[in-house]
């Protein structure tokens, strides 16, 4: 059946910010004389917890603690992210789900205030019942806030689909007992996403047809 509710990831799923993330990280790497990332390399090493991504990018936490690096990253990222648009097909998917009467929320590892500002700047806040961010800049994850939200809404996990662009989104969905569909146009490559058991779509343009296909026996 079509979902009764959809929990969206934000970065890389709805917000088209992968290139901004690469550019922001490369500025930090350049200041330290470390090798820069290509988009292909970024999509192979980006992961949660975010500390592991920083290590893979070349940072040495014995020299610079992760919290300081995260603080250095977040200000220029937030400034640049203000110019990011929606991922291809995002507006169409949001509109179709709204037309079907499907409830929608965003769960993100972004800071709560930054998430609210970005959603409002893009003029899409009206599609969502809730924006669920975190309260620090360390990118520790979003499973807890999403799970508490579903419990507060008395939503059965079997009625809910999570839509994301990383293996972490699949892990979050599995922890909540929800189904998950991933889109290979964000922060991780299609090859990496294929490592899990969730269906992987090329873009959000394919999402409405995918949900319709779930009605078939």
N, C-alpha and C. Protein backbone atom coordinates (compact mmCIF):
# COMPACT_ATOMS: atom_id res chain seq x y z
N UNK A 1 0.84 -1.20 0.00
CA UNK A 1 0.00 0.00 0.00
C UNK A 1 0.87 1.25 0.00
N UNK A 2 0.32 2.35 -0.46
CA UNK A 2 1.02 3.62 -0.32
C UNK A 2 1.27 3.87 1.17
N UNK A 3 2.36 4.56 1.51
CA UNK A 3 2.63 4.79 2.94
C UNK A 3 1.60 5.71 3.55
N UNK A 4 1.32 5.48 4.83
CA UNK A 4 0.50 6.44 5.56
C UNK A 4 1.35 7.63 5.98
N UNK A 5 2.67 7.39 6.10
CA UNK A 5 3.56 8.44 6.56
C UNK A 5 4.95 8.23 5.96
N UNK A 6 5.63 9.34 5.65
CA UNK A 6 7.00 9.29 5.13
C UNK A 6 7.89 10.15 6.01
N UNK A 7 8.99 9.58 6.45
CA UNK A 7 10.03 10.30 7.17
C UNK A 7 11.17 10.55 6.18
N UNK A 8 11.40 11.78 5.85
CA UNK A 8 12.44 12.16 4.90
C UNK A 8 13.76 12.44 5.61
N UNK A 9 14.84 11.97 5.03
CA UNK A 9 16.15 12.54 5.35
C UNK A 9 16.22 13.91 4.66
N UNK A 10 17.13 14.77 5.13
CA UNK A 10 17.24 16.11 4.57
C UNK A 10 18.44 16.25 3.64
N UNK A 11 19.64 16.21 4.22
CA UNK A 11 20.85 16.47 3.43
C UNK A 11 21.09 15.37 2.40
N UNK A 12 21.14 15.76 1.14
CA UNK A 12 21.41 14.80 0.07
C UNK A 12 20.19 14.06 -0.42
N UNK A 13 19.09 14.13 0.33
CA UNK A 13 17.84 13.50 -0.10
C UNK A 13 16.89 14.56 -0.64
N UNK A 14 16.61 15.56 0.17
CA UNK A 14 15.81 16.70 -0.29
C UNK A 14 16.70 17.91 -0.62
N UNK A 15 17.68 18.20 0.25
CA UNK A 15 18.59 19.32 0.01
C UNK A 15 19.77 18.86 -0.84
N UNK A 16 19.98 19.52 -1.96
CA UNK A 16 21.04 19.14 -2.90
C UNK A 16 22.36 19.77 -2.47
N UNK A 17 22.99 19.18 -1.44
CA UNK A 17 24.16 19.82 -0.83
C UNK A 17 25.44 19.01 -0.90
N UNK A 18 25.47 17.93 -1.67
CA UNK A 18 26.67 17.09 -1.70
C UNK A 18 27.90 17.87 -2.17
N UNK A 19 27.75 18.66 -3.23
CA UNK A 19 28.90 19.43 -3.72
C UNK A 19 29.34 20.46 -2.70
N UNK A 20 28.41 21.06 -2.00
CA UNK A 20 28.76 22.01 -0.95
C UNK A 20 29.55 21.34 0.16
N UNK A 21 29.18 20.12 0.50
CA UNK A 21 29.92 19.37 1.52
C UNK A 21 31.35 19.09 1.06
N UNK A 22 31.50 18.70 -0.18
CA UNK A 22 32.84 18.44 -0.72
C UNK A 22 33.67 19.72 -0.71
N UNK A 23 33.09 20.81 -1.16
CA UNK A 23 33.82 22.08 -1.22
C UNK A 23 34.24 22.55 0.17
N UNK A 24 33.34 22.42 1.14
CA UNK A 24 33.65 22.86 2.51
C UNK A 24 34.76 22.01 3.11
N UNK A 25 34.67 20.70 2.91
CA UNK A 25 35.72 19.82 3.43
C UNK A 25 37.05 20.06 2.73
N UNK A 26 37.01 20.29 1.43
CA UNK A 26 38.25 20.52 0.70
C UNK A 26 38.96 21.79 1.16
N UNK A 27 38.20 22.79 1.55
CA UNK A 27 38.82 24.01 2.09
C UNK A 27 39.59 23.69 3.37
N UNK A 28 39.04 22.84 4.22
CA UNK A 28 39.73 22.43 5.43
C UNK A 28 40.96 21.59 5.12
N UNK A 29 40.81 20.66 4.21
CA UNK A 29 41.94 19.81 3.83
C UNK A 29 43.06 20.64 3.21
N UNK A 30 42.70 21.59 2.37
CA UNK A 30 43.69 22.43 1.71
C UNK A 30 44.51 23.22 2.72
N UNK A 31 43.86 23.74 3.75
CA UNK A 31 44.57 24.51 4.77
C UNK A 31 45.61 23.67 5.50
N UNK A 32 45.46 22.37 5.48
CA UNK A 32 46.37 21.47 6.17
C UNK A 32 47.31 20.73 5.22
N UNK A 33 47.23 21.04 3.95
CA UNK A 33 48.08 20.38 2.97
C UNK A 33 47.74 18.92 2.75
N UNK A 34 46.49 18.55 3.01
CA UNK A 34 46.04 17.17 2.83
C UNK A 34 45.39 17.00 1.47
N UNK A 35 45.40 15.77 0.92
CA UNK A 35 44.78 15.53 -0.39
C UNK A 35 43.31 15.91 -0.41
N UNK A 36 42.89 16.51 -1.51
CA UNK A 36 41.50 16.93 -1.65
C UNK A 36 40.62 15.78 -2.09
N UNK A 37 39.32 15.94 -1.86
CA UNK A 37 38.34 14.92 -2.23
C UNK A 37 37.74 15.22 -3.59
N UNK A 38 37.55 14.19 -4.40
CA UNK A 38 36.67 14.28 -5.55
C UNK A 38 35.26 13.89 -5.09
N UNK A 39 34.26 14.20 -5.89
CA UNK A 39 32.91 13.78 -5.54
C UNK A 39 32.82 12.26 -5.45
N UNK A 40 33.47 11.56 -6.38
CA UNK A 40 33.42 10.10 -6.35
C UNK A 40 34.02 9.55 -5.06
N UNK A 41 35.17 10.11 -4.66
CA UNK A 41 35.81 9.67 -3.42
C UNK A 41 34.94 10.00 -2.22
N UNK A 42 34.37 11.19 -2.20
CA UNK A 42 33.50 11.58 -1.10
C UNK A 42 32.35 10.60 -0.92
N UNK A 43 31.72 10.21 -2.01
CA UNK A 43 30.57 9.31 -1.91
C UNK A 43 30.96 7.90 -1.47
N UNK A 44 32.25 7.59 -1.57
CA UNK A 44 32.71 6.28 -1.09
C UNK A 44 33.10 6.30 0.38
N UNK A 45 33.45 7.48 0.94
CA UNK A 45 33.94 7.51 2.32
C UNK A 45 32.97 8.18 3.29
N UNK A 46 31.99 8.94 2.79
CA UNK A 46 31.07 9.60 3.71
C UNK A 46 30.27 8.56 4.47
N UNK A 47 30.15 8.73 5.79
CA UNK A 47 29.48 7.74 6.61
C UNK A 47 29.08 8.33 7.95
N UNK A 48 28.31 7.56 8.70
CA UNK A 48 27.99 7.88 10.08
C UNK A 48 28.53 6.77 10.96
N UNK A 49 29.04 7.05 12.16
CA UNK A 49 29.18 8.39 12.71
C UNK A 49 30.17 9.22 11.90
N UNK A 50 29.98 10.53 11.90
CA UNK A 50 30.74 11.43 11.05
C UNK A 50 32.22 11.42 11.38
N UNK A 51 32.58 11.06 12.61
CA UNK A 51 33.99 10.97 12.96
C UNK A 51 34.74 10.04 12.02
N UNK A 52 34.10 8.94 11.63
CA UNK A 52 34.76 7.98 10.75
C UNK A 52 35.01 8.57 9.37
N UNK A 53 34.11 9.42 8.91
CA UNK A 53 34.31 10.10 7.64
C UNK A 53 35.50 11.05 7.72
N UNK A 54 35.60 11.81 8.80
CA UNK A 54 36.73 12.73 8.96
C UNK A 54 38.05 11.97 8.97
N UNK A 55 38.08 10.84 9.66
CA UNK A 55 39.31 10.03 9.67
C UNK A 55 39.67 9.57 8.26
N UNK A 56 38.67 9.09 7.53
CA UNK A 56 38.92 8.61 6.17
C UNK A 56 39.37 9.73 5.25
N UNK A 57 38.91 10.96 5.54
CA UNK A 57 39.31 12.11 4.73
C UNK A 57 40.75 12.52 5.00
N UNK A 58 41.33 12.07 6.14
CA UNK A 58 42.74 12.34 6.40
C UNK A 58 43.05 13.10 7.67
N UNK A 59 42.05 13.42 8.48
CA UNK A 59 42.30 14.17 9.71
C UNK A 59 42.84 13.25 10.81
N UNK A 60 43.71 13.81 11.63
CA UNK A 60 44.32 13.09 12.74
C UNK A 60 43.77 13.67 14.04
N UNK A 61 42.91 12.90 14.73
CA UNK A 61 42.28 13.40 15.94
C UNK A 61 43.27 13.55 17.09
N UNK A 62 44.43 12.90 16.99
CA UNK A 62 45.46 13.08 18.02
C UNK A 62 46.04 14.49 17.96
N UNK A 63 45.97 15.09 16.77
CA UNK A 63 46.47 16.46 16.58
C UNK A 63 45.36 17.49 16.73
N UNK A 64 44.18 17.14 16.25
CA UNK A 64 43.04 18.06 16.29
C UNK A 64 41.79 17.27 16.68
N UNK A 65 41.23 17.52 17.85
CA UNK A 65 40.04 16.78 18.28
C UNK A 65 38.87 16.99 17.32
N UNK A 66 38.08 15.96 17.17
CA UNK A 66 36.95 16.02 16.26
C UNK A 66 35.99 17.17 16.56
N UNK A 67 35.63 17.45 17.82
CA UNK A 67 34.68 18.56 18.05
C UNK A 67 35.18 19.89 17.50
N UNK A 68 36.48 20.15 17.56
CA UNK A 68 37.01 21.40 17.00
C UNK A 68 36.91 21.41 15.48
N UNK A 69 37.16 20.27 14.86
CA UNK A 69 37.04 20.17 13.40
C UNK A 69 35.59 20.35 12.97
N UNK A 70 34.68 19.76 13.73
CA UNK A 70 33.26 19.89 13.40
C UNK A 70 32.81 21.35 13.50
N UNK A 71 33.30 22.06 14.49
CA UNK A 71 32.97 23.48 14.63
C UNK A 71 33.54 24.29 13.47
N UNK A 72 34.75 23.94 13.04
CA UNK A 72 35.37 24.64 11.92
C UNK A 72 34.59 24.43 10.63
N UNK A 73 34.03 23.24 10.49
CA UNK A 73 33.29 22.89 9.27
C UNK A 73 31.93 23.56 9.19
N UNK A 74 31.22 23.61 10.32
CA UNK A 74 29.79 23.88 10.24
C UNK A 74 29.46 25.30 9.84
N UNK A 75 30.26 26.29 10.24
CA UNK A 75 29.91 27.67 9.90
C UNK A 75 29.99 27.92 8.39
N UNK A 76 31.11 27.62 7.73
CA UNK A 76 31.13 27.84 6.27
C UNK A 76 30.14 26.95 5.54
N UNK A 77 29.91 25.73 6.05
CA UNK A 77 28.91 24.87 5.41
C UNK A 77 27.53 25.52 5.46
N UNK A 78 27.13 26.00 6.63
CA UNK A 78 25.80 26.60 6.76
C UNK A 78 25.65 27.83 5.87
N UNK A 79 26.71 28.62 5.75
CA UNK A 79 26.66 29.78 4.88
C UNK A 79 26.46 29.37 3.42
N UNK A 80 27.22 28.35 2.99
CA UNK A 80 27.12 27.90 1.60
C UNK A 80 25.83 27.15 1.33
N UNK A 81 25.34 26.41 2.33
CA UNK A 81 24.12 25.62 2.15
C UNK A 81 22.91 26.50 1.90
N UNK A 82 22.99 27.77 2.30
CA UNK A 82 21.86 28.67 2.07
C UNK A 82 21.58 28.86 0.58
N UNK A 83 22.59 28.59 -0.25
CA UNK A 83 22.41 28.73 -1.69
C UNK A 83 22.04 27.41 -2.37
N UNK A 84 21.97 26.33 -1.61
CA UNK A 84 21.63 25.03 -2.20
C UNK A 84 20.14 24.97 -2.52
N UNK A 85 19.82 24.31 -3.60
CA UNK A 85 18.42 24.08 -3.93
C UNK A 85 17.98 22.69 -3.54
N UNK A 86 16.81 22.30 -4.01
CA UNK A 86 16.30 20.96 -3.77
C UNK A 86 16.90 19.98 -4.76
N UNK A 87 17.00 18.73 -4.35
CA UNK A 87 17.45 17.68 -5.26
C UNK A 87 16.45 17.52 -6.40
N UNK A 88 16.92 17.10 -7.57
CA UNK A 88 16.00 16.88 -8.69
C UNK A 88 14.87 15.92 -8.32
N UNK A 89 13.66 16.33 -8.59
CA UNK A 89 12.49 15.50 -8.31
C UNK A 89 11.91 15.67 -6.92
N UNK A 90 12.58 16.46 -6.06
CA UNK A 90 12.12 16.58 -4.68
C UNK A 90 10.75 17.27 -4.60
N UNK A 91 10.60 18.39 -5.26
CA UNK A 91 9.34 19.12 -5.18
C UNK A 91 8.19 18.28 -5.74
N UNK A 92 8.46 17.59 -6.83
CA UNK A 92 7.42 16.76 -7.45
C UNK A 92 7.00 15.62 -6.51
N UNK A 93 7.98 15.00 -5.83
CA UNK A 93 7.66 13.92 -4.92
C UNK A 93 6.88 14.42 -3.71
N UNK A 94 7.31 15.55 -3.16
CA UNK A 94 6.59 16.13 -2.03
C UNK A 94 5.15 16.45 -2.39
N UNK A 95 4.97 17.01 -3.54
CA UNK A 95 3.63 17.40 -3.98
C UNK A 95 2.74 16.19 -4.21
N UNK A 96 3.31 15.13 -4.79
CA UNK A 96 2.51 13.93 -5.03
C UNK A 96 2.08 13.27 -3.73
N UNK A 97 3.00 13.18 -2.77
CA UNK A 97 2.66 12.59 -1.49
C UNK A 97 1.58 13.42 -0.78
N UNK A 98 1.70 14.73 -0.87
CA UNK A 98 0.68 15.60 -0.29
C UNK A 98 -0.68 15.35 -0.95
N UNK A 99 -0.70 15.21 -2.27
CA UNK A 99 -1.94 14.96 -2.99
C UNK A 99 -2.56 13.63 -2.59
N UNK A 100 -1.74 12.66 -2.25
CA UNK A 100 -2.24 11.37 -1.80
C UNK A 100 -2.70 11.39 -0.35
N UNK A 101 -2.44 12.47 0.37
CA UNK A 101 -2.80 12.54 1.78
C UNK A 101 -1.81 11.87 2.69
N UNK A 102 -0.59 11.69 2.24
CA UNK A 102 0.45 11.05 3.04
C UNK A 102 1.08 12.08 3.98
N UNK A 103 1.16 11.78 5.27
CA UNK A 103 1.84 12.65 6.21
C UNK A 103 3.34 12.62 5.97
N UNK A 104 4.00 13.75 6.23
CA UNK A 104 5.43 13.85 5.95
C UNK A 104 6.14 14.63 7.07
N UNK A 105 7.35 14.16 7.38
CA UNK A 105 8.22 14.85 8.33
C UNK A 105 9.66 14.69 7.85
N UNK A 106 10.54 15.53 8.36
CA UNK A 106 11.97 15.44 8.08
C UNK A 106 12.70 15.06 9.36
N UNK A 107 13.59 14.07 9.28
CA UNK A 107 14.49 13.73 10.39
C UNK A 107 15.92 13.88 9.88
N UNK A 108 16.70 14.70 10.56
CA UNK A 108 18.02 15.04 10.04
C UNK A 108 19.06 15.08 11.15
N UNK A 109 20.30 14.77 10.79
CA UNK A 109 21.43 14.94 11.70
C UNK A 109 21.92 16.38 11.70
N UNK A 110 21.22 17.27 10.98
CA UNK A 110 21.54 18.69 11.01
C UNK A 110 21.08 19.30 12.33
N UNK A 111 21.70 20.41 12.70
CA UNK A 111 21.26 21.16 13.87
C UNK A 111 19.83 21.65 13.65
N UNK A 112 19.04 21.64 14.69
CA UNK A 112 17.62 21.97 14.58
C UNK A 112 17.40 23.35 13.94
N UNK A 113 18.11 24.35 14.41
CA UNK A 113 17.89 25.70 13.89
C UNK A 113 18.29 25.80 12.42
N UNK A 114 19.41 25.17 12.06
CA UNK A 114 19.85 25.20 10.66
C UNK A 114 18.84 24.50 9.76
N UNK A 115 18.31 23.37 10.24
CA UNK A 115 17.31 22.64 9.47
C UNK A 115 16.08 23.51 9.23
N UNK A 116 15.60 24.14 10.28
CA UNK A 116 14.40 24.99 10.15
C UNK A 116 14.65 26.14 9.18
N UNK A 117 15.81 26.77 9.26
CA UNK A 117 16.13 27.89 8.38
C UNK A 117 16.21 27.45 6.93
N UNK A 118 16.84 26.29 6.67
CA UNK A 118 17.00 25.82 5.30
C UNK A 118 15.65 25.44 4.68
N UNK A 119 14.83 24.76 5.45
CA UNK A 119 13.52 24.36 4.93
C UNK A 119 12.67 25.60 4.63
N UNK A 120 12.68 26.56 5.55
CA UNK A 120 11.90 27.77 5.35
C UNK A 120 12.40 28.56 4.14
N UNK A 121 13.73 28.64 3.97
CA UNK A 121 14.30 29.40 2.85
C UNK A 121 13.88 28.82 1.51
N UNK A 122 13.65 27.52 1.46
CA UNK A 122 13.24 26.87 0.22
C UNK A 122 11.72 26.89 0.04
N UNK A 123 11.00 27.40 1.02
CA UNK A 123 9.56 27.55 0.89
C UNK A 123 8.77 26.26 0.88
N UNK A 124 9.29 25.23 1.56
CA UNK A 124 8.61 23.94 1.53
C UNK A 124 8.14 23.48 2.91
N UNK A 125 8.16 24.39 3.89
CA UNK A 125 7.79 24.00 5.24
C UNK A 125 6.35 23.50 5.33
N UNK A 126 5.50 23.94 4.40
CA UNK A 126 4.11 23.54 4.43
C UNK A 126 3.84 22.08 4.12
N UNK A 127 4.85 21.38 3.63
CA UNK A 127 4.67 19.96 3.32
C UNK A 127 4.83 19.08 4.56
N UNK A 128 5.40 19.61 5.64
CA UNK A 128 5.83 18.76 6.75
C UNK A 128 5.05 19.02 8.03
N UNK A 129 4.77 17.95 8.74
CA UNK A 129 4.17 18.04 10.06
C UNK A 129 5.21 18.39 11.11
N UNK A 130 6.47 18.01 10.87
CA UNK A 130 7.52 18.24 11.86
C UNK A 130 8.88 18.26 11.18
N UNK A 131 9.79 19.04 11.76
CA UNK A 131 11.19 19.06 11.36
C UNK A 131 12.00 18.60 12.56
N UNK A 132 12.66 17.46 12.44
CA UNK A 132 13.32 16.82 13.57
C UNK A 132 14.83 16.86 13.37
N UNK A 133 15.48 17.84 14.00
CA UNK A 133 16.93 17.95 13.93
C UNK A 133 17.55 17.55 15.25
N UNK A 134 18.87 17.83 15.38
CA UNK A 134 19.58 17.53 16.62
C UNK A 134 20.04 18.84 17.24
N UNK A 135 20.58 18.75 18.44
CA UNK A 135 20.88 19.96 19.21
C UNK A 135 22.37 20.26 19.32
N UNK A 136 23.23 19.56 18.56
CA UNK A 136 24.65 19.89 18.54
C UNK A 136 25.14 19.79 17.10
N UNK A 137 26.45 20.05 16.88
CA UNK A 137 26.98 20.07 15.52
C UNK A 137 27.79 18.82 15.20
N UNK A 138 27.70 17.80 16.04
CA UNK A 138 28.59 16.66 15.89
C UNK A 138 28.04 15.57 14.97
N UNK A 139 26.82 15.72 14.49
CA UNK A 139 26.28 14.76 13.54
C UNK A 139 26.18 13.36 14.09
N UNK A 140 25.76 13.23 15.34
CA UNK A 140 25.77 11.93 15.99
C UNK A 140 24.67 11.01 15.52
N UNK A 141 23.65 11.51 14.88
CA UNK A 141 22.59 10.65 14.39
C UNK A 141 21.21 11.17 14.74
N UNK A 142 20.21 10.52 14.17
CA UNK A 142 18.84 11.03 14.27
C UNK A 142 17.84 9.96 14.64
N UNK A 143 18.31 8.73 14.87
CA UNK A 143 17.38 7.64 15.11
C UNK A 143 16.49 7.91 16.32
N UNK A 144 17.09 8.44 17.39
CA UNK A 144 16.32 8.66 18.61
C UNK A 144 15.19 9.65 18.43
N UNK A 145 15.49 10.80 17.79
CA UNK A 145 14.45 11.81 17.63
C UNK A 145 13.33 11.31 16.72
N UNK A 146 13.68 10.57 15.69
CA UNK A 146 12.66 10.04 14.78
C UNK A 146 11.78 9.01 15.48
N UNK A 147 12.41 8.15 16.27
CA UNK A 147 11.65 7.11 16.95
C UNK A 147 10.69 7.71 17.98
N UNK A 148 11.17 8.69 18.72
CA UNK A 148 10.29 9.34 19.71
C UNK A 148 9.13 10.04 19.02
N UNK A 149 9.39 10.60 17.86
CA UNK A 149 8.32 11.28 17.12
C UNK A 149 7.23 10.29 16.71
N UNK A 150 7.62 9.14 16.18
CA UNK A 150 6.63 8.14 15.77
C UNK A 150 5.82 7.66 16.97
N UNK A 151 6.48 7.46 18.10
CA UNK A 151 5.78 7.02 19.29
C UNK A 151 4.79 8.08 19.77
N UNK A 152 5.21 9.34 19.71
CA UNK A 152 4.32 10.42 20.15
C UNK A 152 3.10 10.55 19.24
N UNK A 153 3.28 10.25 17.96
CA UNK A 153 2.18 10.33 17.00
C UNK A 153 1.35 9.05 16.96
N UNK A 154 1.78 8.04 17.72
CA UNK A 154 1.11 6.73 17.72
C UNK A 154 1.05 6.14 16.32
N UNK A 155 2.13 6.29 15.59
CA UNK A 155 2.22 5.75 14.23
C UNK A 155 2.82 4.35 14.27
N UNK A 156 2.16 3.42 13.63
CA UNK A 156 2.69 2.07 13.52
C UNK A 156 3.86 2.05 12.54
N UNK A 157 5.02 1.50 12.91
CA UNK A 157 6.16 1.47 12.00
C UNK A 157 5.84 0.84 10.65
N UNK A 158 4.92 -0.10 10.64
CA UNK A 158 4.56 -0.75 9.38
C UNK A 158 3.89 0.17 8.39
N UNK A 159 3.40 1.31 8.85
CA UNK A 159 2.75 2.28 7.98
C UNK A 159 3.72 3.32 7.44
N UNK A 160 4.96 3.29 7.92
CA UNK A 160 5.90 4.37 7.67
C UNK A 160 7.03 3.92 6.75
N UNK A 161 7.34 4.78 5.78
CA UNK A 161 8.53 4.60 4.94
C UNK A 161 9.53 5.70 5.26
N UNK A 162 10.80 5.35 5.34
CA UNK A 162 11.88 6.32 5.43
C UNK A 162 12.51 6.46 4.05
N UNK A 163 12.78 7.69 3.64
CA UNK A 163 13.41 7.97 2.35
C UNK A 163 14.74 8.66 2.63
N UNK A 164 15.82 8.08 2.13
CA UNK A 164 17.13 8.66 2.40
C UNK A 164 18.12 8.41 1.28
N UNK A 165 19.37 8.79 1.54
CA UNK A 165 20.41 8.67 0.52
C UNK A 165 21.67 8.00 1.05
N UNK A 166 21.61 7.44 2.28
CA UNK A 166 22.79 6.80 2.86
C UNK A 166 22.40 5.48 3.54
N UNK A 167 23.40 4.65 3.79
CA UNK A 167 23.17 3.42 4.53
C UNK A 167 22.68 3.71 5.94
N UNK A 168 23.08 4.85 6.48
CA UNK A 168 22.60 5.22 7.82
C UNK A 168 21.09 5.39 7.83
N UNK A 169 20.53 5.91 6.75
CA UNK A 169 19.07 6.06 6.68
C UNK A 169 18.39 4.70 6.74
N UNK A 170 18.98 3.72 6.08
CA UNK A 170 18.45 2.35 6.15
C UNK A 170 18.56 1.81 7.57
N UNK A 171 19.70 2.07 8.24
CA UNK A 171 19.89 1.61 9.62
C UNK A 171 18.87 2.26 10.56
N UNK A 172 18.62 3.55 10.36
CA UNK A 172 17.63 4.25 11.18
C UNK A 172 16.25 3.63 10.98
N UNK A 173 15.90 3.38 9.73
CA UNK A 173 14.59 2.78 9.44
C UNK A 173 14.48 1.40 10.08
N UNK A 174 15.53 0.60 9.97
CA UNK A 174 15.51 -0.74 10.55
C UNK A 174 15.35 -0.68 12.07
N UNK A 175 16.03 0.27 12.70
CA UNK A 175 15.92 0.41 14.16
C UNK A 175 14.50 0.76 14.57
N UNK A 176 13.81 1.54 13.75
CA UNK A 176 12.44 1.94 14.06
C UNK A 176 11.42 0.90 13.62
N UNK A 177 11.85 -0.09 12.83
CA UNK A 177 10.91 -1.08 12.30
C UNK A 177 10.15 -0.60 11.08
N UNK A 178 10.66 0.46 10.43
CA UNK A 178 10.00 1.03 9.25
C UNK A 178 10.65 0.48 7.98
N UNK A 179 9.92 0.60 6.89
CA UNK A 179 10.50 0.27 5.59
C UNK A 179 11.30 1.45 5.07
N UNK A 180 12.16 1.18 4.10
CA UNK A 180 13.08 2.22 3.65
C UNK A 180 13.31 2.10 2.14
N UNK A 181 13.41 3.24 1.50
CA UNK A 181 13.82 3.31 0.09
C UNK A 181 14.92 4.36 0.01
N UNK A 182 15.97 4.07 -0.73
CA UNK A 182 17.13 4.95 -0.85
C UNK A 182 17.22 5.51 -2.26
N UNK A 183 17.79 6.70 -2.34
CA UNK A 183 17.93 7.40 -3.61
C UNK A 183 19.41 7.69 -3.85
N UNK A 184 19.93 7.26 -5.00
CA UNK A 184 21.37 7.33 -5.28
C UNK A 184 21.72 8.62 -6.01
N UNK A 185 21.36 9.76 -5.40
CA UNK A 185 21.75 11.04 -6.01
C UNK A 185 22.32 11.98 -4.96
N UNK A 186 22.68 11.43 -3.79
CA UNK A 186 23.13 12.26 -2.69
C UNK A 186 24.54 11.99 -2.24
N UNK A 187 24.69 11.58 -0.97
CA UNK A 187 26.00 11.52 -0.33
C UNK A 187 26.70 10.17 -0.41
N UNK A 188 26.03 9.15 -0.89
CA UNK A 188 26.69 7.85 -1.06
C UNK A 188 26.35 7.29 -2.42
N UNK A 189 27.28 6.52 -2.96
CA UNK A 189 27.14 5.99 -4.32
C UNK A 189 26.11 4.86 -4.37
N UNK A 190 25.62 4.60 -5.56
CA UNK A 190 24.66 3.51 -5.75
C UNK A 190 25.27 2.18 -5.34
N UNK A 191 26.57 2.01 -5.60
CA UNK A 191 27.24 0.77 -5.22
C UNK A 191 27.24 0.55 -3.73
N UNK A 192 27.48 1.60 -2.97
CA UNK A 192 27.44 1.45 -1.52
C UNK A 192 26.03 1.19 -1.03
N UNK A 193 25.05 1.90 -1.57
CA UNK A 193 23.67 1.71 -1.14
C UNK A 193 23.19 0.29 -1.42
N UNK A 194 23.72 -0.33 -2.48
CA UNK A 194 23.32 -1.68 -2.84
C UNK A 194 23.77 -2.72 -1.81
N UNK A 195 24.61 -2.31 -0.85
CA UNK A 195 25.08 -3.24 0.19
C UNK A 195 23.97 -3.62 1.17
N UNK A 196 22.90 -2.82 1.23
CA UNK A 196 21.81 -3.12 2.15
C UNK A 196 20.64 -3.72 1.37
N UNK A 197 19.58 -4.03 2.09
CA UNK A 197 18.45 -4.72 1.48
C UNK A 197 17.33 -3.78 1.05
N UNK A 198 17.56 -2.48 1.15
CA UNK A 198 16.53 -1.53 0.73
C UNK A 198 16.56 -1.34 -0.77
N UNK A 199 15.40 -1.09 -1.39
CA UNK A 199 15.40 -0.72 -2.81
C UNK A 199 16.13 0.60 -3.01
N UNK A 200 16.83 0.71 -4.14
CA UNK A 200 17.61 1.92 -4.46
C UNK A 200 17.08 2.49 -5.77
N UNK A 201 16.68 3.77 -5.74
CA UNK A 201 16.16 4.44 -6.92
C UNK A 201 17.20 5.40 -7.49
N UNK A 202 17.19 5.65 -8.79
CA UNK A 202 18.14 6.60 -9.37
C UNK A 202 17.90 8.03 -8.92
N UNK A 203 16.65 8.43 -8.75
CA UNK A 203 16.35 9.80 -8.35
C UNK A 203 14.97 9.87 -7.73
N UNK A 204 14.64 11.03 -7.16
CA UNK A 204 13.33 11.22 -6.56
C UNK A 204 12.21 11.26 -7.59
N UNK A 205 12.54 11.49 -8.85
CA UNK A 205 11.52 11.42 -9.89
C UNK A 205 10.88 10.03 -9.93
N UNK A 206 11.62 9.01 -9.47
CA UNK A 206 11.13 7.64 -9.50
C UNK A 206 10.32 7.25 -8.28
N UNK A 207 10.28 8.14 -7.27
CA UNK A 207 9.66 7.75 -6.00
C UNK A 207 8.15 7.54 -6.09
N UNK A 208 7.37 8.44 -6.70
CA UNK A 208 5.92 8.20 -6.75
C UNK A 208 5.56 6.88 -7.43
N UNK A 209 6.22 6.58 -8.54
CA UNK A 209 5.93 5.32 -9.23
C UNK A 209 6.32 4.13 -8.37
N UNK A 210 7.41 4.27 -7.60
CA UNK A 210 7.81 3.19 -6.71
C UNK A 210 6.73 2.93 -5.66
N UNK A 211 6.24 3.99 -5.03
CA UNK A 211 5.19 3.80 -4.04
C UNK A 211 3.92 3.23 -4.65
N UNK A 212 3.58 3.65 -5.85
CA UNK A 212 2.41 3.07 -6.51
C UNK A 212 2.60 1.58 -6.76
N UNK A 213 3.80 1.18 -7.09
CA UNK A 213 4.08 -0.23 -7.38
C UNK A 213 3.90 -1.11 -6.15
N UNK A 214 3.99 -0.50 -4.95
CA UNK A 214 3.84 -1.28 -3.73
C UNK A 214 2.41 -1.73 -3.51
N UNK A 215 1.46 -1.16 -4.25
CA UNK A 215 0.07 -1.57 -4.13
C UNK A 215 -0.19 -2.91 -4.80
N UNK A 216 0.69 -3.28 -5.73
CA UNK A 216 0.48 -4.50 -6.51
C UNK A 216 0.79 -5.72 -5.66
N UNK A 217 0.07 -6.80 -5.86
CA UNK A 217 0.33 -8.03 -5.09
C UNK A 217 1.74 -8.54 -5.34
